[in-house]
């Protein structure tokens, strides 16, 4: 009886754009040459130069919250601030899709305090985390078949404790459909 009063809402983003490929036969070097007069870009209509690009982001309703206030995984395997983003491209009667997911590191951890960037801490032991970590990635693998995990946690600073716990759980899970990559922004900044 309450369905009349409930409005379904998604937390996310959708944008769809039609793009046109414009090009000329000259090389990039020729285009920038001072001797070359500017040319109007041309389209090749017979090969369908227009295509649609759609970007759709869907944020999970499970464990949504503010950064620094909602972290880690829960007992059901839901991670904080989980978002699935899909990029769709439709060209030449073909539709291509690329899906990327992101979320908090799926271990029990938190950041306490109100100051900027509080120190992270582990809230449960490695053994208490195993089943929830497993639940998270079993759901991921059910939905996406294979996953490449890119760990963006600082590998040497205050976040090292979280990154180490993450890697340990991946090794314990030992699933051939998971590829783990550690990428430290601080080294490439």
N, C-alpha and C. Protein backbone atom coordinates (compact mmCIF):
# COMPACT_ATOMS: atom_id res chain seq x y z
N UNK A 1 0.80 -1.21 0.00
CA UNK A 1 0.00 0.00 0.00
C UNK A 1 0.84 1.27 0.00
N UNK A 2 2.12 1.16 0.33
CA UNK A 2 2.95 2.36 0.36
C UNK A 2 3.62 2.64 -0.98
N UNK A 3 3.48 1.74 -1.96
CA UNK A 3 4.13 1.94 -3.25
C UNK A 3 3.72 3.27 -3.90
N UNK A 4 2.51 3.72 -3.63
CA UNK A 4 2.04 4.99 -4.17
C UNK A 4 2.93 6.14 -3.69
N UNK A 5 3.50 6.03 -2.51
CA UNK A 5 4.28 7.10 -1.90
C UNK A 5 5.78 6.95 -2.13
N UNK A 6 6.20 5.83 -2.69
CA UNK A 6 7.63 5.59 -2.88
C UNK A 6 8.00 5.88 -4.33
N UNK A 7 9.03 6.68 -4.51
CA UNK A 7 9.52 7.01 -5.84
C UNK A 7 10.87 6.33 -6.04
N UNK A 8 10.99 5.45 -7.05
CA UNK A 8 12.30 4.84 -7.29
C UNK A 8 13.30 5.89 -7.80
N UNK A 9 14.46 5.89 -7.21
CA UNK A 9 15.49 6.87 -7.56
C UNK A 9 16.80 6.13 -7.75
N UNK A 10 17.58 6.56 -8.74
CA UNK A 10 18.94 6.03 -8.83
C UNK A 10 19.90 7.14 -8.43
N UNK A 11 20.99 6.72 -7.86
CA UNK A 11 22.03 7.65 -7.53
C UNK A 11 23.11 7.43 -8.57
N UNK A 12 23.26 8.35 -9.49
CA UNK A 12 24.21 8.14 -10.56
C UNK A 12 24.23 9.27 -11.55
N UNK A 13 24.66 8.94 -12.77
CA UNK A 13 24.85 9.93 -13.81
C UNK A 13 24.61 9.26 -15.16
N UNK A 14 23.96 9.97 -16.07
CA UNK A 14 23.74 9.48 -17.43
C UNK A 14 23.98 10.63 -18.39
N UNK A 15 24.77 10.40 -19.43
CA UNK A 15 24.92 11.38 -20.50
C UNK A 15 25.10 10.62 -21.80
N UNK A 16 24.37 11.07 -22.84
CA UNK A 16 24.45 10.47 -24.16
C UNK A 16 24.73 11.59 -25.15
N UNK A 17 25.75 11.41 -25.95
CA UNK A 17 26.14 12.43 -26.93
C UNK A 17 26.33 11.79 -28.30
N UNK A 18 25.93 12.52 -29.33
CA UNK A 18 26.23 12.10 -30.69
C UNK A 18 27.48 12.84 -31.13
N UNK A 19 28.46 12.10 -31.61
CA UNK A 19 29.72 12.70 -32.04
C UNK A 19 29.93 12.46 -33.52
N UNK A 20 30.64 13.38 -34.16
CA UNK A 20 30.95 13.28 -35.58
C UNK A 20 32.46 13.27 -35.73
N UNK A 21 32.96 12.35 -36.53
CA UNK A 21 34.39 12.28 -36.79
C UNK A 21 34.69 13.19 -37.96
N UNK A 22 35.49 14.21 -37.72
CA UNK A 22 35.95 15.11 -38.77
C UNK A 22 37.44 14.89 -38.96
N UNK A 23 37.87 14.80 -40.19
CA UNK A 23 39.29 14.62 -40.44
C UNK A 23 39.61 15.13 -41.83
N UNK A 24 40.88 15.34 -42.06
CA UNK A 24 41.33 15.66 -43.41
C UNK A 24 42.44 14.69 -43.75
N UNK A 25 42.79 14.62 -44.99
CA UNK A 25 43.79 13.66 -45.45
C UNK A 25 45.21 14.08 -45.07
N UNK A 26 45.42 15.33 -44.67
CA UNK A 26 46.77 15.78 -44.35
C UNK A 26 47.19 15.27 -42.97
N UNK A 27 48.49 15.14 -42.81
CA UNK A 27 49.02 14.64 -41.54
C UNK A 27 48.98 15.74 -40.49
N UNK A 28 49.17 15.37 -39.23
CA UNK A 28 49.21 16.35 -38.15
C UNK A 28 50.35 17.33 -38.35
N UNK A 29 51.45 16.86 -38.93
CA UNK A 29 52.60 17.73 -39.17
C UNK A 29 52.25 18.80 -40.20
N UNK A 30 51.53 18.39 -41.27
CA UNK A 30 51.13 19.33 -42.30
C UNK A 30 50.16 20.36 -41.75
N UNK A 31 49.27 19.94 -40.86
CA UNK A 31 48.26 20.85 -40.31
C UNK A 31 48.90 21.99 -39.54
N UNK A 32 50.04 21.71 -38.89
CA UNK A 32 50.64 22.72 -38.05
C UNK A 32 51.70 23.54 -38.77
N UNK A 33 51.94 23.23 -40.02
CA UNK A 33 52.95 23.96 -40.78
C UNK A 33 52.46 25.36 -41.11
N UNK A 34 53.32 26.36 -40.90
CA UNK A 34 52.89 27.74 -41.23
C UNK A 34 52.62 27.94 -42.71
N UNK A 35 53.24 27.10 -43.59
CA UNK A 35 53.03 27.25 -45.03
C UNK A 35 51.71 26.66 -45.49
N UNK A 36 51.10 25.81 -44.70
CA UNK A 36 49.87 25.15 -45.11
C UNK A 36 48.67 26.03 -44.75
N UNK A 37 47.88 26.40 -45.75
CA UNK A 37 46.69 27.19 -45.43
C UNK A 37 45.69 26.35 -44.63
N UNK A 38 44.96 26.97 -43.71
CA UNK A 38 43.97 26.21 -42.94
C UNK A 38 42.90 25.62 -43.84
N UNK A 39 42.50 24.38 -43.54
CA UNK A 39 41.47 23.70 -44.33
C UNK A 39 40.29 23.37 -43.43
N UNK A 40 39.14 23.39 -44.05
CA UNK A 40 37.94 22.98 -43.33
C UNK A 40 37.99 21.47 -43.15
N UNK A 41 37.68 20.97 -41.96
CA UNK A 41 37.63 19.52 -41.79
C UNK A 41 36.52 18.93 -42.65
N UNK A 42 36.75 17.75 -43.16
CA UNK A 42 35.75 17.10 -44.00
C UNK A 42 35.27 15.82 -43.35
N UNK A 43 34.06 15.45 -43.67
CA UNK A 43 33.47 14.21 -43.17
C UNK A 43 33.29 13.25 -44.33
N UNK A 44 33.37 11.99 -44.03
CA UNK A 44 33.11 10.97 -45.04
C UNK A 44 31.76 10.36 -44.70
N UNK A 45 30.72 10.87 -45.33
CA UNK A 45 29.35 10.46 -44.98
C UNK A 45 29.05 9.01 -45.30
N UNK A 46 29.72 8.45 -46.29
CA UNK A 46 29.37 7.10 -46.69
C UNK A 46 29.87 6.03 -45.72
N UNK A 47 30.68 6.39 -44.73
CA UNK A 47 31.09 5.39 -43.73
C UNK A 47 30.53 5.73 -42.35
N UNK A 48 29.45 6.47 -42.30
CA UNK A 48 28.76 6.78 -41.05
C UNK A 48 29.69 7.41 -40.01
N UNK A 49 30.08 8.65 -40.21
CA UNK A 49 31.04 9.26 -39.30
C UNK A 49 30.44 9.64 -37.94
N UNK A 50 29.14 9.52 -37.80
CA UNK A 50 28.55 9.85 -36.49
C UNK A 50 28.45 8.59 -35.64
N UNK A 51 28.64 8.77 -34.35
CA UNK A 51 28.45 7.66 -33.43
C UNK A 51 27.94 8.20 -32.11
N UNK A 52 27.31 7.33 -31.37
CA UNK A 52 26.76 7.70 -30.07
C UNK A 52 27.69 7.22 -28.97
N UNK A 53 27.88 8.06 -27.98
CA UNK A 53 28.64 7.68 -26.79
C UNK A 53 27.74 7.92 -25.59
N UNK A 54 27.62 6.91 -24.76
CA UNK A 54 26.82 7.04 -23.54
C UNK A 54 27.71 6.71 -22.35
N UNK A 55 27.55 7.47 -21.30
CA UNK A 55 28.26 7.22 -20.05
C UNK A 55 27.21 7.10 -18.96
N UNK A 56 27.21 5.96 -18.28
CA UNK A 56 26.21 5.69 -17.24
C UNK A 56 26.94 5.26 -15.98
N UNK A 57 26.74 5.98 -14.90
CA UNK A 57 27.31 5.61 -13.61
C UNK A 57 26.17 5.31 -12.66
N UNK A 58 26.30 4.16 -11.98
CA UNK A 58 25.29 3.74 -11.01
C UNK A 58 25.98 3.52 -9.67
N UNK A 59 25.54 4.26 -8.66
CA UNK A 59 26.11 4.13 -7.33
C UNK A 59 25.24 3.19 -6.51
N UNK A 60 25.87 2.27 -5.81
CA UNK A 60 25.13 1.30 -5.02
C UNK A 60 24.45 1.97 -3.83
N UNK A 61 23.30 1.46 -3.46
CA UNK A 61 22.60 1.96 -2.28
C UNK A 61 23.16 1.35 -1.00
N UNK A 62 23.95 0.30 -1.15
CA UNK A 62 24.55 -0.36 0.01
C UNK A 62 25.82 0.39 0.41
N UNK A 63 25.93 0.80 1.63
CA UNK A 63 27.11 1.45 2.21
C UNK A 63 27.47 2.76 1.54
N UNK A 64 26.48 3.49 1.05
CA UNK A 64 26.75 4.82 0.52
C UNK A 64 27.01 5.75 1.70
N UNK A 65 27.89 6.68 1.51
CA UNK A 65 28.18 7.62 2.59
C UNK A 65 29.27 8.59 2.20
N UNK A 66 29.60 9.45 3.15
CA UNK A 66 30.62 10.46 2.92
C UNK A 66 32.01 9.84 3.00
N UNK A 67 32.91 10.40 2.21
CA UNK A 67 34.31 9.97 2.25
C UNK A 67 34.85 10.20 3.66
N UNK A 68 35.70 9.33 4.11
CA UNK A 68 36.29 9.32 5.45
C UNK A 68 35.30 8.87 6.52
N UNK A 69 34.01 8.82 6.21
CA UNK A 69 33.03 8.37 7.19
C UNK A 69 32.53 6.96 6.89
N UNK A 70 32.56 6.57 5.63
CA UNK A 70 32.09 5.24 5.23
C UNK A 70 33.22 4.58 4.46
N UNK A 71 33.78 3.52 5.03
CA UNK A 71 34.93 2.85 4.43
C UNK A 71 34.77 1.34 4.51
N UNK A 72 35.53 0.61 3.70
CA UNK A 72 35.64 -0.83 3.82
C UNK A 72 34.43 -1.62 3.36
N UNK A 73 34.32 -2.83 3.93
CA UNK A 73 33.32 -3.81 3.55
C UNK A 73 32.38 -4.07 4.73
N UNK A 74 31.17 -4.55 4.45
CA UNK A 74 30.27 -4.96 5.53
C UNK A 74 30.17 -6.48 5.56
N UNK A 75 29.36 -7.00 6.46
CA UNK A 75 29.27 -8.45 6.66
C UNK A 75 28.67 -9.18 5.45
N UNK A 76 28.02 -8.45 4.54
CA UNK A 76 27.43 -9.05 3.34
C UNK A 76 28.33 -8.93 2.11
N UNK A 77 29.49 -8.32 2.26
CA UNK A 77 30.40 -8.16 1.13
C UNK A 77 30.20 -6.89 0.34
N UNK A 78 29.35 -5.98 0.81
CA UNK A 78 29.15 -4.70 0.13
C UNK A 78 30.25 -3.74 0.55
N UNK A 79 30.86 -3.07 -0.43
CA UNK A 79 31.91 -2.10 -0.11
C UNK A 79 31.34 -0.69 -0.13
N UNK A 80 31.97 0.18 0.62
CA UNK A 80 31.53 1.57 0.72
C UNK A 80 31.70 2.29 -0.62
N UNK A 81 30.72 3.11 -0.93
CA UNK A 81 30.75 4.00 -2.09
C UNK A 81 31.09 3.29 -3.40
N UNK A 82 30.43 2.18 -3.63
CA UNK A 82 30.62 1.37 -4.82
C UNK A 82 29.91 2.02 -6.01
N UNK A 83 30.61 2.13 -7.13
CA UNK A 83 30.05 2.73 -8.35
C UNK A 83 30.42 1.86 -9.54
N UNK A 84 29.44 1.58 -10.39
CA UNK A 84 29.67 0.91 -11.66
C UNK A 84 29.49 1.95 -12.76
N UNK A 85 30.51 2.11 -13.60
CA UNK A 85 30.43 3.06 -14.71
C UNK A 85 30.57 2.30 -16.01
N UNK A 86 29.61 2.52 -16.89
CA UNK A 86 29.62 1.84 -18.19
C UNK A 86 29.73 2.89 -19.29
N UNK A 87 30.64 2.64 -20.22
CA UNK A 87 30.78 3.48 -21.40
C UNK A 87 30.29 2.67 -22.58
N UNK A 88 29.32 3.20 -23.30
CA UNK A 88 28.77 2.54 -24.48
C UNK A 88 29.09 3.38 -25.70
N UNK A 89 29.51 2.71 -26.77
CA UNK A 89 29.75 3.38 -28.04
C UNK A 89 28.97 2.62 -29.10
N UNK A 90 28.14 3.35 -29.84
CA UNK A 90 27.35 2.74 -30.91
C UNK A 90 27.84 3.34 -32.23
N UNK A 91 28.40 2.47 -33.08
CA UNK A 91 28.93 2.92 -34.37
C UNK A 91 28.77 1.78 -35.37
N UNK A 92 28.42 2.12 -36.60
CA UNK A 92 28.26 1.14 -37.67
C UNK A 92 27.36 -0.02 -37.25
N UNK A 93 26.26 0.26 -36.62
CA UNK A 93 25.29 -0.75 -36.16
C UNK A 93 25.88 -1.74 -35.16
N UNK A 94 26.95 -1.36 -34.52
CA UNK A 94 27.55 -2.18 -33.46
C UNK A 94 27.58 -1.36 -32.18
N UNK A 95 27.34 -2.04 -31.06
CA UNK A 95 27.43 -1.37 -29.78
C UNK A 95 28.53 -2.02 -28.96
N UNK A 96 29.44 -1.21 -28.48
CA UNK A 96 30.55 -1.68 -27.67
C UNK A 96 30.35 -1.17 -26.24
N UNK A 97 30.74 -1.98 -25.28
CA UNK A 97 30.55 -1.61 -23.88
C UNK A 97 31.83 -1.86 -23.10
N UNK A 98 32.15 -0.94 -22.22
CA UNK A 98 33.28 -1.09 -21.31
C UNK A 98 32.78 -0.73 -19.91
N UNK A 99 32.96 -1.63 -18.97
CA UNK A 99 32.47 -1.41 -17.61
C UNK A 99 33.64 -1.34 -16.65
N UNK A 100 33.59 -0.34 -15.79
CA UNK A 100 34.59 -0.17 -14.75
C UNK A 100 33.86 -0.01 -13.43
N UNK A 101 34.34 -0.70 -12.40
CA UNK A 101 33.74 -0.55 -11.07
C UNK A 101 34.78 0.05 -10.14
N UNK A 102 34.31 0.69 -9.09
CA UNK A 102 35.20 1.21 -8.08
C UNK A 102 34.49 1.14 -6.74
N UNK A 103 35.26 1.03 -5.71
CA UNK A 103 34.69 1.00 -4.37
C UNK A 103 35.80 0.98 -3.35
N UNK A 104 35.42 1.02 -2.11
CA UNK A 104 36.38 1.00 -1.03
C UNK A 104 37.10 -0.35 -0.97
N UNK A 105 38.28 -0.38 -0.40
CA UNK A 105 39.03 -1.63 -0.24
C UNK A 105 38.19 -2.59 0.58
N UNK A 106 37.93 -3.81 0.09
CA UNK A 106 36.99 -4.73 0.74
C UNK A 106 37.58 -5.49 1.94
N UNK A 107 38.05 -4.73 2.91
CA UNK A 107 38.44 -5.27 4.21
C UNK A 107 37.77 -4.39 5.26
N UNK A 108 37.74 -4.83 6.50
CA UNK A 108 37.13 -4.03 7.56
C UNK A 108 38.13 -2.97 8.01
N UNK A 109 37.87 -1.72 7.63
CA UNK A 109 38.75 -0.62 8.01
C UNK A 109 37.94 0.66 8.14
N UNK A 110 38.52 1.63 8.78
CA UNK A 110 37.83 2.91 8.98
C UNK A 110 38.85 4.01 9.15
N UNK A 111 38.35 5.23 9.14
CA UNK A 111 39.15 6.41 9.44
C UNK A 111 38.34 7.22 10.44
N UNK A 112 38.90 7.40 11.61
CA UNK A 112 38.18 8.06 12.70
C UNK A 112 38.71 9.46 12.88
N UNK A 113 37.81 10.38 13.13
CA UNK A 113 38.19 11.76 13.39
C UNK A 113 37.63 12.69 12.35
N UNK A 114 37.75 13.98 12.64
CA UNK A 114 37.18 14.99 11.74
C UNK A 114 38.24 15.78 10.99
N UNK A 115 39.51 15.56 11.31
CA UNK A 115 40.54 16.30 10.60
C UNK A 115 40.67 15.77 9.17
N UNK A 116 41.33 16.53 8.32
CA UNK A 116 41.52 16.13 6.94
C UNK A 116 42.40 14.90 6.87
N UNK A 117 41.97 13.91 6.12
CA UNK A 117 42.71 12.67 5.88
C UNK A 117 43.15 11.98 7.18
N UNK A 118 42.20 11.53 7.99
CA UNK A 118 42.56 10.83 9.23
C UNK A 118 43.28 9.51 8.94
N UNK A 119 44.07 9.07 9.89
CA UNK A 119 44.85 7.84 9.74
C UNK A 119 43.91 6.63 9.66
N UNK A 120 44.08 5.76 8.64
CA UNK A 120 43.25 4.56 8.55
C UNK A 120 43.66 3.50 9.58
N UNK A 121 42.68 2.67 9.94
CA UNK A 121 42.96 1.57 10.86
C UNK A 121 42.14 0.35 10.45
N UNK A 122 42.69 -0.82 10.73
CA UNK A 122 41.97 -2.06 10.48
C UNK A 122 41.05 -2.32 11.67
N UNK A 123 39.79 -2.70 11.40
CA UNK A 123 38.81 -2.90 12.46
C UNK A 123 38.59 -4.36 12.82
N UNK A 124 38.95 -5.27 11.94
CA UNK A 124 38.78 -6.70 12.22
C UNK A 124 40.01 -7.45 11.74
N UNK A 125 40.16 -8.65 12.24
CA UNK A 125 41.33 -9.46 11.90
C UNK A 125 41.23 -10.00 10.48
N UNK A 126 42.36 -10.52 10.03
CA UNK A 126 42.43 -11.14 8.72
C UNK A 126 41.41 -12.27 8.58
N UNK A 127 41.31 -13.12 9.60
CA UNK A 127 40.38 -14.25 9.56
C UNK A 127 38.93 -13.81 9.56
N UNK A 128 38.60 -12.73 10.27
CA UNK A 128 37.23 -12.23 10.28
C UNK A 128 36.85 -11.60 8.94
N UNK A 129 37.83 -11.20 8.17
CA UNK A 129 37.60 -10.51 6.90
C UNK A 129 37.41 -11.47 5.72
N UNK A 130 38.00 -12.65 5.82
CA UNK A 130 38.03 -13.59 4.68
C UNK A 130 36.66 -13.82 4.06
N UNK A 131 35.65 -14.15 4.85
CA UNK A 131 34.33 -14.50 4.30
C UNK A 131 33.66 -13.30 3.61
N UNK A 132 33.86 -12.11 4.15
CA UNK A 132 33.24 -10.91 3.55
C UNK A 132 33.96 -10.49 2.28
N UNK A 133 35.27 -10.62 2.29
CA UNK A 133 36.06 -10.36 1.08
C UNK A 133 35.63 -11.32 -0.03
N UNK A 134 35.51 -12.60 0.35
CA UNK A 134 35.08 -13.64 -0.60
C UNK A 134 33.68 -13.32 -1.15
N UNK A 135 32.76 -12.91 -0.28
CA UNK A 135 31.39 -12.58 -0.72
C UNK A 135 31.41 -11.43 -1.72
N UNK A 136 32.25 -10.44 -1.46
CA UNK A 136 32.35 -9.29 -2.37
C UNK A 136 32.80 -9.75 -3.76
N UNK A 137 33.88 -10.51 -3.82
CA UNK A 137 34.41 -10.87 -5.13
C UNK A 137 33.64 -12.00 -5.80
N UNK A 138 32.95 -12.80 -5.06
CA UNK A 138 32.07 -13.79 -5.71
C UNK A 138 30.94 -13.08 -6.45
N UNK A 139 30.41 -12.03 -5.86
CA UNK A 139 29.38 -11.22 -6.53
C UNK A 139 29.97 -10.52 -7.76
N UNK A 140 31.16 -9.97 -7.63
CA UNK A 140 31.81 -9.31 -8.75
C UNK A 140 32.05 -10.28 -9.91
N UNK A 141 32.55 -11.45 -9.58
CA UNK A 141 32.84 -12.43 -10.63
C UNK A 141 31.57 -13.02 -11.24
N UNK A 142 30.52 -13.10 -10.46
CA UNK A 142 29.23 -13.54 -11.00
C UNK A 142 28.73 -12.54 -12.04
N UNK A 143 28.89 -11.25 -11.74
CA UNK A 143 28.41 -10.20 -12.64
C UNK A 143 29.33 -9.95 -13.83
N UNK A 144 30.64 -10.01 -13.61
CA UNK A 144 31.59 -9.55 -14.63
C UNK A 144 32.55 -10.63 -15.13
N UNK A 145 32.49 -11.83 -14.59
CA UNK A 145 33.30 -12.99 -15.00
C UNK A 145 34.77 -12.87 -14.61
N UNK A 146 35.45 -11.83 -15.04
CA UNK A 146 36.85 -11.60 -14.69
C UNK A 146 36.99 -10.17 -14.19
N UNK A 147 37.97 -9.96 -13.33
CA UNK A 147 38.20 -8.62 -12.79
C UNK A 147 39.69 -8.33 -12.76
N UNK A 148 40.03 -7.11 -13.11
CA UNK A 148 41.38 -6.60 -12.90
C UNK A 148 41.26 -5.61 -11.75
N UNK A 149 41.90 -5.93 -10.65
CA UNK A 149 41.87 -5.06 -9.47
C UNK A 149 43.04 -4.10 -9.60
N UNK A 150 42.76 -2.81 -9.56
CA UNK A 150 43.83 -1.83 -9.53
C UNK A 150 43.79 -1.16 -8.17
N UNK A 151 44.77 -1.48 -7.35
CA UNK A 151 44.84 -0.95 -5.99
C UNK A 151 45.52 0.41 -6.05
N UNK A 152 44.77 1.47 -5.71
CA UNK A 152 45.28 2.84 -5.77
C UNK A 152 45.74 3.36 -4.41
N UNK A 153 45.83 2.48 -3.43
CA UNK A 153 46.22 2.87 -2.08
C UNK A 153 47.70 3.22 -2.04
N UNK A 154 48.06 4.25 -1.28
CA UNK A 154 49.45 4.63 -1.08
C UNK A 154 50.21 3.44 -0.48
N UNK A 155 51.22 2.95 -1.17
CA UNK A 155 51.92 1.73 -0.77
C UNK A 155 53.01 1.94 0.28
N UNK A 156 53.34 3.18 0.57
CA UNK A 156 54.43 3.43 1.53
C UNK A 156 54.02 4.31 2.70
N UNK A 157 52.99 5.07 2.57
CA UNK A 157 52.61 6.04 3.60
C UNK A 157 51.64 5.47 4.61
N UNK A 158 50.78 6.33 5.09
CA UNK A 158 49.84 5.98 6.15
C UNK A 158 48.80 4.96 5.72
N UNK A 159 48.56 4.82 4.40
CA UNK A 159 47.57 3.85 3.90
C UNK A 159 48.16 2.46 3.69
N UNK A 160 49.45 2.29 3.91
CA UNK A 160 50.13 1.01 3.67
C UNK A 160 49.44 -0.15 4.39
N UNK A 161 48.94 0.06 5.57
CA UNK A 161 48.28 -0.99 6.34
C UNK A 161 47.05 -1.54 5.59
N UNK A 162 46.33 -0.65 4.91
CA UNK A 162 45.15 -1.04 4.14
C UNK A 162 45.57 -1.80 2.87
N UNK A 163 46.58 -1.28 2.18
CA UNK A 163 47.07 -1.94 0.97
C UNK A 163 47.62 -3.33 1.26
N UNK A 164 48.34 -3.47 2.37
CA UNK A 164 48.87 -4.79 2.74
C UNK A 164 47.74 -5.78 3.05
N UNK A 165 46.72 -5.31 3.77
CA UNK A 165 45.58 -6.17 4.10
C UNK A 165 44.83 -6.59 2.83
N UNK A 166 44.71 -5.68 1.89
CA UNK A 166 44.04 -5.97 0.61
C UNK A 166 44.80 -7.06 -0.14
N UNK A 167 46.10 -6.87 -0.31
CA UNK A 167 46.91 -7.85 -1.02
C UNK A 167 46.85 -9.21 -0.33
N UNK A 168 46.89 -9.23 0.98
CA UNK A 168 46.83 -10.49 1.73
C UNK A 168 45.52 -11.23 1.44
N UNK A 169 44.40 -10.49 1.40
CA UNK A 169 43.11 -11.11 1.11
C UNK A 169 43.05 -11.64 -0.32
N UNK A 170 43.62 -10.92 -1.27
CA UNK A 170 43.66 -11.39 -2.66
C UNK A 170 44.44 -12.70 -2.74
N UNK A 171 45.57 -12.75 -2.05
CA UNK A 171 46.39 -13.97 -2.06
C UNK A 171 45.66 -15.14 -1.39
N UNK A 172 44.95 -14.87 -0.30
CA UNK A 172 44.18 -15.92 0.36
C UNK A 172 43.03 -16.42 -0.52
N UNK A 173 42.39 -15.51 -1.22
CA UNK A 173 41.27 -15.86 -2.10
C UNK A 173 41.76 -16.71 -3.28
N UNK A 174 42.91 -16.34 -3.85
CA UNK A 174 43.59 -17.14 -4.86
C UNK A 174 42.67 -17.59 -5.99
N UNK A 175 42.09 -16.62 -6.70
CA UNK A 175 41.16 -16.92 -7.79
C UNK A 175 41.79 -16.53 -9.11
N UNK A 176 41.80 -17.44 -10.06
CA UNK A 176 42.43 -17.21 -11.36
C UNK A 176 41.73 -16.13 -12.17
N UNK A 177 40.49 -15.78 -11.82
CA UNK A 177 39.75 -14.75 -12.55
C UNK A 177 40.00 -13.34 -12.02
N UNK A 178 40.87 -13.22 -11.03
CA UNK A 178 41.26 -11.91 -10.50
C UNK A 178 42.70 -11.62 -10.86
N UNK A 179 42.94 -10.45 -11.39
CA UNK A 179 44.29 -9.96 -11.63
C UNK A 179 44.50 -8.75 -10.74
N UNK A 180 45.55 -8.77 -9.95
CA UNK A 180 45.82 -7.69 -8.98
C UNK A 180 46.97 -6.83 -9.48
N UNK A 181 46.74 -5.52 -9.54
CA UNK A 181 47.76 -4.56 -9.94
C UNK A 181 47.81 -3.47 -8.88
N UNK A 182 48.99 -3.18 -8.40
CA UNK A 182 49.17 -2.09 -7.45
C UNK A 182 49.70 -0.89 -8.21
N UNK A 183 49.00 0.23 -8.11
CA UNK A 183 49.41 1.45 -8.81
C UNK A 183 49.49 2.57 -7.78
N UNK A 184 50.68 3.02 -7.49
CA UNK A 184 50.88 4.06 -6.49
C UNK A 184 50.98 5.42 -7.19
N UNK A 185 49.96 6.25 -7.01
CA UNK A 185 49.94 7.59 -7.62
C UNK A 185 51.15 8.40 -7.22
N UNK A 186 51.63 8.23 -6.00
CA UNK A 186 52.73 9.04 -5.50
C UNK A 186 54.02 8.81 -6.29
N UNK A 187 54.18 7.61 -6.86
CA UNK A 187 55.36 7.34 -7.68
C UNK A 187 55.25 7.96 -9.07
N UNK A 188 54.05 8.21 -9.53
CA UNK A 188 53.83 8.71 -10.89
C UNK A 188 53.33 10.14 -10.91
N UNK A 189 53.36 10.80 -9.82
CA UNK A 189 52.84 12.17 -9.71
C UNK A 189 53.78 13.15 -10.30
